[in-house]
Amino acid sequence: MSAPKLLLSVLTVSIFSLTLSACGSDGDKVKEEYDRVEDQVKDEYDRVEDKVKEKYKEVEDKLSDDEKSMAEILESVFLPEESLDNFLDKLTPEGGRGGLYVGHFVEIDDGDNNDIDIGAVYFDISKDGAGSVDGSFSYQQQACQENNILGINSAIKVDNYIAGKVTGSLDTLEFLDIKYVNDLGIETPNLLTTFAGSFEEKEAGTPWKGSFEYQDGLGGKQLTSSEKNCNVTYTISDRSNFKTYPLDYSLGKMNLDASGNGNQKIVTWQNPINTRHVLVSQIDVNKAEAGANGYVQNLVLSNLETQFTPIIPNTSTNYAIVVQAFDANNTLIGYQALVQDLPESL
């Protein structure tokens, strides 16, 4: 069994954490329901932890050294924080490259051929052979849409593999309102799933790539933005594949450039032939490298636009502007990034 197959076989469940807001007799009923759901979540979490440990013991003798590293990652993901630290202290492997990796995810088989299946993702990966992983997944598609993100936590890197948890809230959508707020009396739904990936040193751009999944009934549900007068509707998939690259990677002749001074800064590029969608991301590099949410904005452009207006702060801040072009099959055909301080000029 290869490491990626082992990975997918055990990362097959997600749970959700919930924030309670109610009072009075209704609050007592909601609390009872919350406690019931919380117990279910704990039981499911314990079951998954046991499953991961059992899987590791079943195949341990048959695994190569790399596959053993992967199995140990999966086992440690479901252990307390202090256990993760103890686990990493015992390892001194030679791993895949670290640093800031920026890219995209593409939803798979969401059942809706009319929506956009592209989203943004970045990782800040430890440069050590074994260490921590931070990052974010973003579902923002238009400027009017709030940049809701799924943040990475309890994630680690060992050798050429990364794995961990992804938590956060998408737009406060009608489906989520019905499921969480109306049925359970929960104020803010926070979703939790798992992700995993590997370092592909022999692939162009040497990316970190992998997948993440939902297992709590989100697949195939049509979602809309919670912002007023913001027409964003899409269908979410149970599973998405991601691919991220170092910022010095380049694909296609995009001629990415920034011109203008101060608040007049404009980013321009050239779309490769057969471009259908363009994903433009603005990332606060300092926040991303500090483990905070680095995304400032992500836009999916579908009218062959070739320019973007970044958000300019009052004080100089280091940003990465990343432009990714996709064909009609959501295949990446162009990639280029620039990093600079804004609002300072080039």
C-alpha atoms as a PDB file:
ATOM      1  CA  MET A   1       0.000   0.000   0.000  1.00  0.00           C
ATOM      2  CA  SER A   2       1.523   3.355  -1.010  1.00  0.00           C
ATOM      3  CA  ALA A   3       1.672   6.230   1.433  1.00  0.00           C
ATOM      4  CA  PRO A   4      -0.987   8.357  -0.378  1.00  0.00           C
ATOM      5  CA  LYS A   5      -3.408   5.376  -0.510  1.00  0.00           C
ATOM      6  CA  LEU A   6      -2.833   4.681   3.154  1.00  0.00           C
ATOM      7  CA  LEU A   7      -3.431   8.359   3.796  1.00  0.00           C
ATOM      8  CA  LEU A   8      -6.787   8.441   2.020  1.00  0.00           C
ATOM      9  CA  SER A   9      -7.941   5.220   3.640  1.00  0.00           C
ATOM     10  CA  VAL A  10      -7.722   6.618   7.145  1.00  0.00           C
ATOM     11  CA  LEU A  11      -8.590  10.292   6.583  1.00  0.00           C
ATOM     12  CA  THR A  12     -12.271   9.563   5.941  1.00  0.00           C
ATOM     13  CA  VAL A  13     -14.171  11.426   8.619  1.00  0.00           C
ATOM     14  CA  SER A  14     -14.786  14.996   9.717  1.00  0.00           C
ATOM     15  CA  ILE A  15     -16.463  16.483  12.756  1.00  0.00           C
ATOM     16  CA  PHE A  16     -17.690  19.936  13.570  1.00  0.00           C
ATOM     17  CA  SER A  17     -17.291  22.219  16.568  1.00  0.00           C
ATOM     18  CA  LEU A  18     -20.163  24.479  17.583  1.00  0.00           C
ATOM     19  CA  THR A  19     -20.551  27.782  19.417  1.00  0.00           C
ATOM     20  CA  LEU A  20     -23.650  28.086  21.642  1.00  0.00           C
ATOM     21  CA  SER A  21     -25.697  31.240  22.115  1.00  0.00           C
ATOM     22  CA  ALA A  22     -29.084  30.994  23.854  1.00  0.00           C
ATOM     23  CA  CYS A  23     -30.814  31.836  27.174  1.00  0.00           C
ATOM     24  CA  GLY A  24     -33.801  30.920  29.401  1.00  0.00           C
ATOM     25  CA  SER A  25     -35.840  27.725  28.999  1.00  0.00           C
ATOM     26  CA  ASP A  26     -35.105  27.679  25.289  1.00  0.00           C
ATOM     27  CA  GLY A  27     -31.464  27.900  26.230  1.00  0.00           C
ATOM     28  CA  ASP A  28     -31.794  24.809  28.449  1.00  0.00           C
ATOM     29  CA  LYS A  29     -33.269  22.841  25.547  1.00  0.00           C
ATOM     30  CA  VAL A  30     -30.556  24.039  23.233  1.00  0.00           C
ATOM     31  CA  LYS A  31     -27.901  23.160  25.829  1.00  0.00           C
ATOM     32  CA  GLU A  32     -29.261  19.627  26.093  1.00  0.00           C
ATOM     33  CA  GLU A  33     -29.138  19.285  22.313  1.00  0.00           C
ATOM     34  CA  TYR A  34     -25.665  20.802  22.241  1.00  0.00           C
ATOM     35  CA  ASP A  35     -24.427  18.378  24.901  1.00  0.00           C
ATOM     36  CA  ARG A  36     -25.897  15.479  22.942  1.00  0.00           C
ATOM     37  CA  VAL A  37     -24.175  16.580  19.730  1.00  0.00           C
ATOM     38  CA  GLU A  38     -20.944  17.258  21.614  1.00  0.00           C
ATOM     39  CA  ASP A  39     -20.991  13.699  23.000  1.00  0.00           C
ATOM     40  CA  GLN A  40     -21.557  12.347  19.506  1.00  0.00           C
ATOM     41  CA  VAL A  41     -18.633  14.347  18.202  1.00  0.00           C
ATOM     42  CA  LYS A  42     -16.362  13.129  21.007  1.00  0.00           C
ATOM     43  CA  ASP A  43     -17.376   9.503  20.393  1.00  0.00           C
ATOM     44  CA  GLU A  44     -16.709   9.900  16.669  1.00  0.00           C
ATOM     45  CA  TYR A  45     -13.352  11.554  17.325  1.00  0.00           C
ATOM     46  CA  ASP A  46     -12.338   8.723  19.669  1.00  0.00           C
ATOM     47  CA  ARG A  47     -13.436   6.181  17.070  1.00  0.00           C
ATOM     48  CA  VAL A  48     -11.311   7.814  14.363  1.00  0.00           C
ATOM     49  CA  GLU A  49      -8.300   8.039  16.675  1.00  0.00           C
ATOM     50  CA  ASP A  50      -8.591   4.320  17.444  1.00  0.00           C
ATOM     51  CA  LYS A  51      -9.025   3.544  13.745  1.00  0.00           C
ATOM     52  CA  VAL A  52      -5.855   5.432  12.816  1.00  0.00           C
ATOM     53  CA  LYS A  53      -3.824   3.670  15.499  1.00  0.00           C
ATOM     54  CA  GLU A  54      -5.222   0.264  14.507  1.00  0.00           C
ATOM     55  CA  LYS A  55      -4.445   0.893  10.829  1.00  0.00           C
ATOM     56  CA  TYR A  56      -0.866   1.784  11.679  1.00  0.00           C
ATOM     57  CA  LYS A  57      -0.367  -1.389  13.743  1.00  0.00           C
ATOM     58  CA  GLU A  58      -1.954  -3.569  11.032  1.00  0.00           C
ATOM     59  CA  VAL A  59       0.454  -2.527   8.303  1.00  0.00           C
ATOM     60  CA  GLU A  60       3.528  -1.411  10.256  1.00  0.00           C
ATOM     61  CA  ASP A  61       5.644  -4.455   9.376  1.00  0.00           C
ATOM     62  CA  LYS A  62       4.818  -4.155   5.668  1.00  0.00           C
ATOM     63  CA  LEU A  63       5.659  -0.457   5.273  1.00  0.00           C
ATOM     64  CA  SER A  64       8.750   1.152   3.879  1.00  0.00           C
ATOM     65  CA  ASP A  65      10.454   3.851   5.938  1.00  0.00           C
ATOM     66  CA  ASP A  66       8.610   6.602   4.029  1.00  0.00           C
ATOM     67  CA  GLU A  67       5.272   4.876   4.537  1.00  0.00           C
ATOM     68  CA  LYS A  68       5.975   4.470   8.246  1.00  0.00           C
ATOM     69  CA  SER A  69       6.556   8.209   8.449  1.00  0.00           C
ATOM     70  CA  MET A  70       3.183   8.788   6.809  1.00  0.00           C
ATOM     71  CA  ALA A  71       1.404   6.416   9.179  1.00  0.00           C
ATOM     72  CA  GLU A  72       3.006   8.126  12.164  1.00  0.00           C
ATOM     73  CA  ILE A  73       1.800  11.506  10.869  1.00  0.00           C
ATOM     74  CA  LEU A  74      -1.754  10.223  10.711  1.00  0.00           C
ATOM     75  CA  GLU A  75      -1.523   8.740  14.175  1.00  0.00           C
ATOM     76  CA  SER A  76      -0.149  11.956  15.644  1.00  0.00           C
ATOM     77  CA  VAL A  77      -2.764  14.216  14.017  1.00  0.00           C
ATOM     78  CA  PHE A  78      -5.379  12.790  16.355  1.00  0.00           C
ATOM     79  CA  LEU A  79      -3.300  13.119  19.510  1.00  0.00           C
ATOM     80  CA  PRO A  80      -3.209  16.061  21.975  1.00  0.00           C
ATOM     81  CA  GLU A  81      -0.963  19.036  21.254  1.00  0.00           C
ATOM     82  CA  GLU A  82       1.711  17.989  23.753  1.00  0.00           C
ATOM     83  CA  SER A  83       1.885  14.548  22.121  1.00  0.00           C
ATOM     84  CA  LEU A  84       2.534  16.196  18.766  1.00  0.00           C
ATOM     85  CA  ASP A  85       5.456  18.102  20.266  1.00  0.00           C
ATOM     86  CA  ASN A  86       6.895  14.935  21.796  1.00  0.00           C
ATOM     87  CA  PHE A  87       6.430  13.114  18.499  1.00  0.00           C
ATOM     88  CA  LEU A  88       8.279  15.759  16.491  1.00  0.00           C
ATOM     89  CA  ASP A  89      11.111  15.926  19.010  1.00  0.00           C
ATOM     90  CA  LYS A  90      11.947  12.296  18.262  1.00  0.00           C
ATOM     91  CA  LEU A  91      12.224  12.739  14.494  1.00  0.00           C
ATOM     92  CA  THR A  92      15.137  14.036  12.422  1.00  0.00           C
ATOM     93  CA  PRO A  93      14.155  13.148   8.831  1.00  0.00           C
ATOM     94  CA  GLU A  94      15.183  14.770   5.587  1.00  0.00           C
ATOM     95  CA  GLY A  95      11.925  16.206   4.323  1.00  0.00           C
ATOM     96  CA  GLY A  96      10.433  18.066   1.381  1.00  0.00           C
ATOM     97  CA  ARG A  97      11.179  21.760   1.040  1.00  0.00           C
ATOM     98  CA  GLY A  98       9.565  24.248   3.372  1.00  0.00           C
ATOM     99  CA  GLY A  99       8.455  27.848   3.085  1.00  0.00           C
ATOM    100  CA  LEU A 100       5.415  29.650   1.695  1.00  0.00           C
ATOM    101  CA  TYR A 101       3.579  27.643  -0.980  1.00  0.00           C
ATOM    102  CA  VAL A 102       0.606  29.236  -2.771  1.00  0.00           C
ATOM    103  CA  GLY A 103      -1.872  27.600  -5.104  1.00  0.00           C
ATOM    104  CA  HIS A 104      -5.436  26.486  -5.608  1.00  0.00           C
ATOM    105  CA  PHE A 105      -7.948  23.740  -4.971  1.00  0.00           C
ATOM    106  CA  VAL A 106     -10.458  22.317  -7.433  1.00  0.00           C
ATOM    107  CA  GLU A 107     -13.686  20.738  -6.215  1.00  0.00           C
ATOM    108  CA  ILE A 108     -14.410  17.248  -7.555  1.00  0.00           C
ATOM    109  CA  ASP A 109     -17.833  15.924  -8.647  1.00  0.00           C
ATOM    110  CA  ASP A 110     -20.045  18.509  -6.945  1.00  0.00           C
ATOM    111  CA  GLY A 111     -22.936  17.679  -9.292  1.00  0.00           C
ATOM    112  CA  ASP A 112     -23.184  21.225 -10.677  1.00  0.00           C
ATOM    113  CA  ASN A 113     -21.630  21.947 -14.068  1.00  0.00           C
ATOM    114  CA  ASN A 114     -22.528  25.650 -13.995  1.00  0.00           C
ATOM    115  CA  ASP A 115     -20.606  26.902 -10.966  1.00  0.00           C
ATOM    116  CA  ILE A 116     -16.949  27.747 -10.424  1.00  0.00           C
ATOM    117  CA  ASP A 117     -15.014  24.932  -8.746  1.00  0.00           C
ATOM    118  CA  ILE A 118     -11.781  26.842  -8.085  1.00  0.00           C
ATOM    119  CA  GLY A 119     -10.626  28.174  -4.703  1.00  0.00           C
ATOM    120  CA  ALA A 120      -7.417  29.479  -3.139  1.00  0.00           C
ATOM    121  CA  VAL A 121      -5.008  27.769  -0.729  1.00  0.00           C
ATOM    122  CA  TYR A 122      -1.595  28.452   0.750  1.00  0.00           C
ATOM    123  CA  PHE A 123       0.705  26.634   3.201  1.00  0.00           C
ATOM    124  CA  ASP A 124       3.539  27.918   5.337  1.00  0.00           C
ATOM    125  CA  ILE A 125       5.565  24.732   5.811  1.00  0.00           C
ATOM    126  CA  SER A 126       8.401  24.171   8.258  1.00  0.00           C
ATOM    127  CA  LYS A 127      11.831  24.088   6.645  1.00  0.00           C
ATOM    128  CA  ASP A 128      12.857  21.289   9.026  1.00  0.00           C
ATOM    129  CA  GLY A 129      12.414  17.639   8.111  1.00  0.00           C
ATOM    130  CA  ALA A 130       9.730  17.417  10.804  1.00  0.00           C
ATOM    131  CA  GLY A 131       7.767  20.479  11.887  1.00  0.00           C
ATOM    132  CA  SER A 132       4.520  22.414  11.796  1.00  0.00           C
ATOM    133  CA  VAL A 133       2.288  23.494   8.906  1.00  0.00           C
ATOM    134  CA  ASP A 134       0.087  26.617   8.821  1.00  0.00           C
ATOM    135  CA  GLY A 135      -2.148  27.927   6.066  1.00  0.00           C
ATOM    136  CA  SER A 136      -5.630  28.704   4.784  1.00  0.00           C
ATOM    137  CA  PHE A 137      -8.234  27.558   2.254  1.00  0.00           C
ATOM    138  CA  SER A 138     -10.444  30.352   0.864  1.00  0.00           C
ATOM    139  CA  TYR A 139     -13.812  30.111  -0.905  1.00  0.00           C
ATOM    140  CA  GLN A 140     -13.945  33.804  -1.825  1.00  0.00           C
ATOM    141  CA  GLN A 141     -14.777  34.302  -5.513  1.00  0.00           C
ATOM    142  CA  GLN A 142     -15.830  37.951  -5.811  1.00  0.00           C
ATOM    143  CA  ALA A 143     -14.704  41.164  -4.159  1.00  0.00           C
ATOM    144  CA  CYS A 144     -18.124  41.700  -2.512  1.00  0.00           C
ATOM    145  CA  GLN A 145     -17.969  38.306  -0.835  1.00  0.00           C
ATOM    146  CA  GLU A 146     -16.505  38.123   2.663  1.00  0.00           C
ATOM    147  CA  ASN A 147     -13.176  36.304   2.635  1.00  0.00           C
ATOM    148  CA  ASN A 148     -14.258  33.373   4.794  1.00  0.00           C
ATOM    149  CA  ILE A 149     -11.473  30.879   5.218  1.00  0.00           C
ATOM    150  CA  LEU A 150     -10.829  27.420   6.560  1.00  0.00           C
ATOM    151  CA  GLY A 151      -7.698  27.625   8.689  1.00  0.00           C
ATOM    152  CA  ILE A 152      -5.163  24.863   9.217  1.00  0.00           C
ATOM    153  CA  ASN A 153      -4.368  23.698  12.748  1.00  0.00           C
ATOM    154  CA  SER A 154      -2.706  20.726  14.464  1.00  0.00           C
ATOM    155  CA  ALA A 155      -0.946  20.094  11.149  1.00  0.00           C
ATOM    156  CA  ILE A 156       2.517  18.667  10.761  1.00  0.00           C
ATOM    157  CA  LYS A 157       5.138  17.814   8.174  1.00  0.00           C
ATOM    158  CA  VAL A 158       7.270  14.675   8.310  1.00  0.00           C
ATOM    159  CA  ASP A 159       9.623  13.870   5.441  1.00  0.00           C
ATOM    160  CA  ASN A 160       7.706  14.455   2.195  1.00  0.00           C
ATOM    161  CA  TYR A 161       4.229  14.377   3.741  1.00  0.00           C
ATOM    162  CA  ILE A 162       1.889  16.836   5.423  1.00  0.00           C
ATOM    163  CA  ALA A 163      -1.398  16.159   7.218  1.00  0.00           C
ATOM    164  CA  GLY A 164      -3.692  17.911   9.656  1.00  0.00           C
ATOM    165  CA  LYS A 165      -7.046  19.451  10.448  1.00  0.00           C
ATOM    166  CA  VAL A 166      -8.891  22.238   8.622  1.00  0.00           C
ATOM    167  CA  THR A 167     -11.429  24.297  10.587  1.00  0.00           C
ATOM    168  CA  GLY A 168     -13.479  27.435  10.065  1.00  0.00           C
ATOM    169  CA  SER A 169     -16.766  28.743   8.730  1.00  0.00           C
ATOM    170  CA  LEU A 170     -17.901  29.278   5.165  1.00  0.00           C
ATOM    171  CA  ASP A 171     -20.435  32.000   4.381  1.00  0.00           C
ATOM    172  CA  THR A 172     -23.414  31.942   6.750  1.00  0.00           C
ATOM    173  CA  LEU A 173     -25.542  30.203   4.154  1.00  0.00           C
ATOM    174  CA  GLU A 174     -29.168  29.164   4.071  1.00  0.00           C
ATOM    175  CA  PHE A 175     -28.295  25.480   4.269  1.00  0.00           C
ATOM    176  CA  LEU A 176     -26.000  26.000   7.251  1.00  0.00           C
ATOM    177  CA  ASP A 177     -28.576  28.272   8.911  1.00  0.00           C
ATOM    178  CA  ILE A 178     -31.180  25.519   8.715  1.00  0.00           C
ATOM    179  CA  LYS A 179     -28.848  22.765   9.865  1.00  0.00           C
ATOM    180  CA  TYR A 180     -27.119  24.566  12.706  1.00  0.00           C
ATOM    181  CA  VAL A 181     -29.009  27.707  13.736  1.00  0.00           C
ATOM    182  CA  ASN A 182     -32.643  26.647  13.300  1.00  0.00           C
ATOM    183  CA  ASP A 183     -32.354  22.957  14.192  1.00  0.00           C
ATOM    184  CA  LEU A 184     -29.717  23.136  16.920  1.00  0.00           C
ATOM    185  CA  GLY A 185     -29.850  26.761  18.058  1.00  0.00           C
ATOM    186  CA  ILE A 186     -26.172  27.195  17.310  1.00  0.00           C
ATOM    187  CA  GLU A 187     -24.918  30.718  16.649  1.00  0.00           C
ATOM    188  CA  THR A 188     -21.820  30.085  14.530  1.00  0.00           C
ATOM    189  CA  PRO A 189     -21.192  26.820  12.652  1.00  0.00           C
ATOM    190  CA  ASN A 190     -17.550  25.786  12.495  1.00  0.00           C
ATOM    191  CA  LEU A 191     -16.728  22.944  10.158  1.00  0.00           C
ATOM    192  CA  LEU A 192     -13.839  20.558  10.659  1.00  0.00           C
ATOM    193  CA  THR A 193     -12.274  18.220   8.148  1.00  0.00           C
ATOM    194  CA  THR A 194      -8.855  16.701   7.443  1.00  0.00           C
ATOM    195  CA  PHE A 195      -6.293  17.323   4.711  1.00  0.00           C
ATOM    196  CA  ALA A 196      -3.179  15.522   3.546  1.00  0.00           C
ATOM    197  CA  GLY A 197      -0.560  15.959   0.861  1.00  0.00           C
ATOM    198  CA  SER A 198       2.929  15.138  -0.363  1.00  0.00           C
ATOM    199  CA  PHE A 199       5.948  16.888  -1.839  1.00  0.00           C
ATOM    200  CA  GLU A 200       6.386  16.060  -5.534  1.00  0.00           C
ATOM    201  CA  GLU A 201      10.045  16.843  -6.117  1.00  0.00           C
ATOM    202  CA  LYS A 202      10.130  15.375  -9.646  1.00  0.00           C
ATOM    203  CA  GLU A 203       7.091  17.345 -10.836  1.00  0.00           C
ATOM    204  CA  ALA A 204       7.409  20.727 -12.566  1.00  0.00           C
ATOM    205  CA  GLY A 205       7.539  23.429  -9.922  1.00  0.00           C
ATOM    206  CA  THR A 206       8.097  20.834  -7.152  1.00  0.00           C
ATOM    207  CA  PRO A 207       4.640  21.370  -5.615  1.00  0.00           C
ATOM    208  CA  TRP A 208       3.027  20.240  -2.391  1.00  0.00           C
ATOM    209  CA  LYS A 209      -0.265  18.670  -3.451  1.00  0.00           C
ATOM    210  CA  GLY A 210      -3.045  16.540  -1.975  1.00  0.00           C
ATOM    211  CA  SER A 211      -6.723  16.672  -1.039  1.00  0.00           C
ATOM    212  CA  PHE A 212      -9.233  17.487   1.691  1.00  0.00           C
ATOM    213  CA  GLU A 213     -12.737  16.126   2.311  1.00  0.00           C
ATOM    214  CA  TYR A 214     -16.040  16.864   4.055  1.00  0.00           C
ATOM    215  CA  GLN A 215     -18.018  13.987   5.553  1.00  0.00           C
ATOM    216  CA  ASP A 216     -20.938  15.790   7.241  1.00  0.00           C
ATOM    217  CA  GLY A 217     -23.439  16.115   4.399  1.00  0.00           C
ATOM    218  CA  LEU A 218     -22.144  19.273   2.714  1.00  0.00           C
ATOM    219  CA  GLY A 219     -21.503  17.644  -0.648  1.00  0.00           C
ATOM    220  CA  GLY A 220     -23.873  18.667  -3.410  1.00  0.00           C
ATOM    221  CA  LYS A 221     -25.402  21.537  -1.412  1.00  0.00           C
ATOM    222  CA  GLN A 222     -25.921  24.856  -3.165  1.00  0.00           C
ATOM    223  CA  LEU A 223     -24.458  27.747  -1.194  1.00  0.00           C
ATOM    224  CA  THR A 224     -24.782  31.515  -1.537  1.00  0.00           C
ATOM    225  CA  SER A 225     -22.909  34.483  -0.131  1.00  0.00           C
ATOM    226  CA  SER A 226     -24.129  35.938   3.156  1.00  0.00           C
ATOM    227  CA  GLU A 227     -23.333  39.472   1.980  1.00  0.00           C
ATOM    228  CA  LYS A 228     -26.266  41.602   0.785  1.00  0.00           C
ATOM    229  CA  ASN A 229     -26.279  42.495  -2.916  1.00  0.00           C
ATOM    230  CA  CYS A 230     -23.491  40.004  -3.543  1.00  0.00           C
ATOM    231  CA  ASN A 231     -24.549  37.501  -6.179  1.00  0.00           C
ATOM    232  CA  VAL A 232     -22.324  34.494  -5.440  1.00  0.00           C
ATOM    233  CA  THR A 233     -23.933  31.050  -5.703  1.00  0.00           C
ATOM    234  CA  TYR A 234     -22.040  27.787  -5.951  1.00  0.00           C
ATOM    235  CA  THR A 235     -22.313  24.103  -5.100  1.00  0.00           C
ATOM    236  CA  ILE A 236     -19.831  22.662  -2.654  1.00  0.00           C
ATOM    237  CA  SER A 237     -18.194  19.283  -3.147  1.00  0.00           C
ATOM    238  CA  ASP A 238     -17.376  16.588  -0.600  1.00  0.00           C
ATOM    239  CA  ARG A 239     -13.809  16.455  -1.878  1.00  0.00           C
ATOM    240  CA  SER A 240     -11.278  18.862  -3.342  1.00  0.00           C
ATOM    241  CA  ASN A 241      -7.775  18.394  -4.711  1.00  0.00           C
ATOM    242  CA  PHE A 242      -5.148  21.073  -4.070  1.00  0.00           C
ATOM    243  CA  LYS A 243      -1.768  21.975  -5.537  1.00  0.00           C
ATOM    244  CA  THR A 244       0.615  24.649  -4.214  1.00  0.00           C
ATOM    245  CA  TYR A 245       3.896  26.063  -5.531  1.00  0.00           C
ATOM    246  CA  PRO A 246       6.822  28.141  -4.252  1.00  0.00           C
ATOM    247  CA  LEU A 247       6.529  31.794  -5.206  1.00  0.00           C
ATOM    248  CA  ASP A 248       9.420  31.617  -7.671  1.00  0.00           C
ATOM    249  CA  TYR A 249       7.553  29.085  -9.845  1.00  0.00           C
ATOM    250  CA  SER A 250       6.410  30.245 -13.280  1.00  0.00           C
ATOM    251  CA  LEU A 251       4.109  28.601 -15.826  1.00  0.00           C
ATOM    252  CA  GLY A 252       3.173  30.191 -19.147  1.00  0.00           C
ATOM    253  CA  LYS A 253       4.239  33.666 -20.240  1.00  0.00           C
ATOM    254  CA  MET A 254       2.018  35.804 -18.013  1.00  0.00           C
ATOM    255  CA  ASN A 255       4.276  38.903 -17.809  1.00  0.00           C
ATOM    256  CA  LEU A 256       2.961  39.761 -14.339  1.00  0.00           C
ATOM    257  CA  ASP A 257       3.801  43.340 -13.373  1.00  0.00           C
ATOM    258  CA  ALA A 258       2.798  46.136 -10.977  1.00  0.00           C
ATOM    259  CA  SER A 259       2.718  49.799 -11.941  1.00  0.00           C
ATOM    260  CA  GLY A 260       1.655  53.071 -10.368  1.00  0.00           C
ATOM    261  CA  ASN A 261       2.443  54.597  -7.003  1.00  0.00           C
ATOM    262  CA  GLY A 262       0.733  54.465  -3.629  1.00  0.00           C
ATOM    263  CA  ASN A 263      -3.016  53.898  -3.820  1.00  0.00           C
ATOM    264  CA  GLN A 264      -2.843  53.971  -7.630  1.00  0.00           C
ATOM    265  CA  LYS A 265      -1.016  50.629  -7.810  1.00  0.00           C
ATOM    266  CA  ILE A 266      -2.363  48.291 -10.525  1.00  0.00           C
ATOM    267  CA  VAL A 267      -1.317  44.685 -11.167  1.00  0.00           C
ATOM    268  CA  THR A 268      -1.413  43.523 -14.795  1.00  0.00           C
ATOM    269  CA  TRP A 269      -0.689  40.279 -16.628  1.00  0.00           C
ATOM    270  CA  GLN A 270      -1.173  38.431 -19.912  1.00  0.00           C
ATOM    271  CA  ASN A 271      -3.571  35.483 -20.111  1.00  0.00           C
ATOM    272  CA  PRO A 272      -2.243  32.316 -21.767  1.00  0.00           C
ATOM    273  CA  ILE A 273      -4.123  30.946 -24.779  1.00  0.00           C
ATOM    274  CA  ASN A 274      -7.250  28.954 -23.773  1.00  0.00           C
ATOM    275  CA  THR A 275      -7.639  30.744 -20.425  1.00  0.00           C
ATOM    276  CA  ARG A 276     -11.173  30.360 -19.001  1.00  0.00           C
ATOM    277  CA  HIS A 277     -10.751  31.475 -15.368  1.00  0.00           C
ATOM    278  CA  VAL A 278      -8.099  33.468 -13.525  1.00  0.00           C
ATOM    279  CA  LEU A 279      -7.593  33.253  -9.757  1.00  0.00           C
ATOM    280  CA  VAL A 280      -5.882  36.311  -8.250  1.00  0.00           C
ATOM    281  CA  SER A 281      -4.779  36.248  -4.611  1.00  0.00           C
ATOM    282  CA  GLN A 282      -3.348  38.966  -2.373  1.00  0.00           C
ATOM    283  CA  ILE A 283      -1.563  37.542   0.686  1.00  0.00           C
ATOM    284  CA  ASP A 284      -0.061  39.360   3.658  1.00  0.00           C
ATOM    285  CA  VAL A 285       3.240  37.473   3.812  1.00  0.00           C
ATOM    286  CA  ASN A 286       4.039  38.524   7.374  1.00  0.00           C
ATOM    287  CA  LYS A 287       0.709  37.219   8.692  1.00  0.00           C
ATOM    288  CA  ALA A 288       0.979  33.995   6.700  1.00  0.00           C
ATOM    289  CA  GLU A 289       4.454  33.279   8.068  1.00  0.00           C
ATOM    290  CA  ALA A 290       3.259  34.071  11.616  1.00  0.00           C
ATOM    291  CA  GLY A 291       0.469  31.482  11.480  1.00  0.00           C
ATOM    292  CA  ALA A 292      -2.376  34.022  11.105  1.00  0.00           C
ATOM    293  CA  ASN A 293      -4.770  34.277   8.164  1.00  0.00           C
ATOM    294  CA  GLY A 294      -2.721  35.910   5.426  1.00  0.00           C
ATOM    295  CA  TYR A 295      -5.462  36.230   2.797  1.00  0.00           C
ATOM    296  CA  VAL A 296      -6.514  39.802   2.017  1.00  0.00           C
ATOM    297  CA  GLN A 297      -8.611  38.980  -1.027  1.00  0.00           C
ATOM    298  CA  ASN A 298      -9.127  36.292  -3.668  1.00  0.00           C
ATOM    299  CA  LEU A 299     -10.972  36.902  -6.931  1.00  0.00           C
ATOM    300  CA  VAL A 300     -12.005  34.413  -9.614  1.00  0.00           C
ATOM    301  CA  LEU A 301     -12.140  36.300 -12.941  1.00  0.00           C
ATOM    302  CA  SER A 302     -14.059  34.751 -15.831  1.00  0.00           C
ATOM    303  CA  ASN A 303     -14.135  37.515 -18.470  1.00  0.00           C
ATOM    304  CA  LEU A 304     -10.473  37.355 -19.526  1.00  0.00           C
ATOM    305  CA  GLU A 305      -9.588  40.338 -17.331  1.00  0.00           C
ATOM    306  CA  THR A 306      -5.903  41.225 -17.271  1.00  0.00           C
ATOM    307  CA  GLN A 307      -5.632  43.594 -14.325  1.00  0.00           C
ATOM    308  CA  PHE A 308      -6.267  43.674 -10.580  1.00  0.00           C
ATOM    309  CA  THR A 309      -6.384  46.446  -7.988  1.00  0.00           C
ATOM    310  CA  PRO A 310      -4.773  45.351  -4.716  1.00  0.00           C
ATOM    311  CA  ILE A 311      -5.970  46.623  -1.351  1.00  0.00           C
ATOM    312  CA  ILE A 312      -3.408  49.191  -0.182  1.00  0.00           C
ATOM    313  CA  PRO A 313      -2.783  49.531   3.586  1.00  0.00           C
ATOM    314  CA  ASN A 314      -1.911  52.730   5.449  1.00  0.00           C
ATOM    315  CA  THR A 315       1.531  51.425   6.397  1.00  0.00           C
ATOM    316  CA  SER A 316       4.004  49.465   4.316  1.00  0.00           C
ATOM    317  CA  THR A 317       3.250  45.729   4.339  1.00  0.00           C
ATOM    318  CA  ASN A 318       4.883  42.829   2.506  1.00  0.00           C
ATOM    319  CA  TYR A 319       2.438  41.162   0.079  1.00  0.00           C
ATOM    320  CA  ALA A 320       2.466  38.306  -2.378  1.00  0.00           C
ATOM    321  CA  ILE A 321       0.264  38.796  -5.447  1.00  0.00           C
ATOM    322  CA  VAL A 322      -0.324  35.430  -7.135  1.00  0.00           C
ATOM    323  CA  VAL A 323      -2.086  35.010 -10.498  1.00  0.00           C
ATOM    324  CA  GLN A 324      -3.160  31.535 -11.671  1.00  0.00           C
ATOM    325  CA  ALA A 325      -4.821  30.844 -15.043  1.00  0.00           C
ATOM    326  CA  PHE A 326      -7.023  27.814 -15.810  1.00  0.00           C
ATOM    327  CA  ASP A 327      -8.512  26.329 -18.965  1.00  0.00           C
ATOM    328  CA  ALA A 328     -12.101  25.090 -19.388  1.00  0.00           C
ATOM    329  CA  ASN A 329     -11.205  21.832 -17.580  1.00  0.00           C
ATOM    330  CA  ASN A 330      -9.838  23.722 -14.545  1.00  0.00           C
ATOM    331  CA  THR A 331      -6.310  22.684 -15.485  1.00  0.00           C
ATOM    332  CA  LEU A 332      -3.605  25.145 -14.441  1.00  0.00           C
ATOM    333  CA  ILE A 333      -2.011  26.687 -17.533  1.00  0.00           C
ATOM    334  CA  GLY A 334      -0.435  29.830 -16.065  1.00  0.00           C
ATOM    335  CA  TYR A 335       1.210  30.774 -12.763  1.00  0.00           C
ATOM    336  CA  GLN A 336       3.258  33.738 -11.642  1.00  0.00           C
ATOM    337  CA  ALA A 337       3.762  35.636  -8.396  1.00  0.00           C
ATOM    338  CA  LEU A 338       5.352  38.882  -7.311  1.00  0.00           C
ATOM    339  CA  VAL A 339       6.267  39.902  -3.768  1.00  0.00           C
ATOM    340  CA  GLN A 340       6.634  43.545  -2.748  1.00  0.00           C
ATOM    341  CA  ASP A 341       5.867  46.078  -0.065  1.00  0.00           C
ATOM    342  CA  LEU A 342       2.719  48.121  -0.521  1.00  0.00           C
ATOM    343  CA  PRO A 343       2.090  51.055  -0.732  1.00  0.00           C
ATOM    344  CA  GLU A 344       5.744  51.584  -1.680  1.00  0.00           C
ATOM    345  CA  SER A 345       6.423  51.714  -5.407  1.00  0.00           C
ATOM    346  CA  LEU A 346       8.627  49.262  -7.269  1.00  0.00           C
END
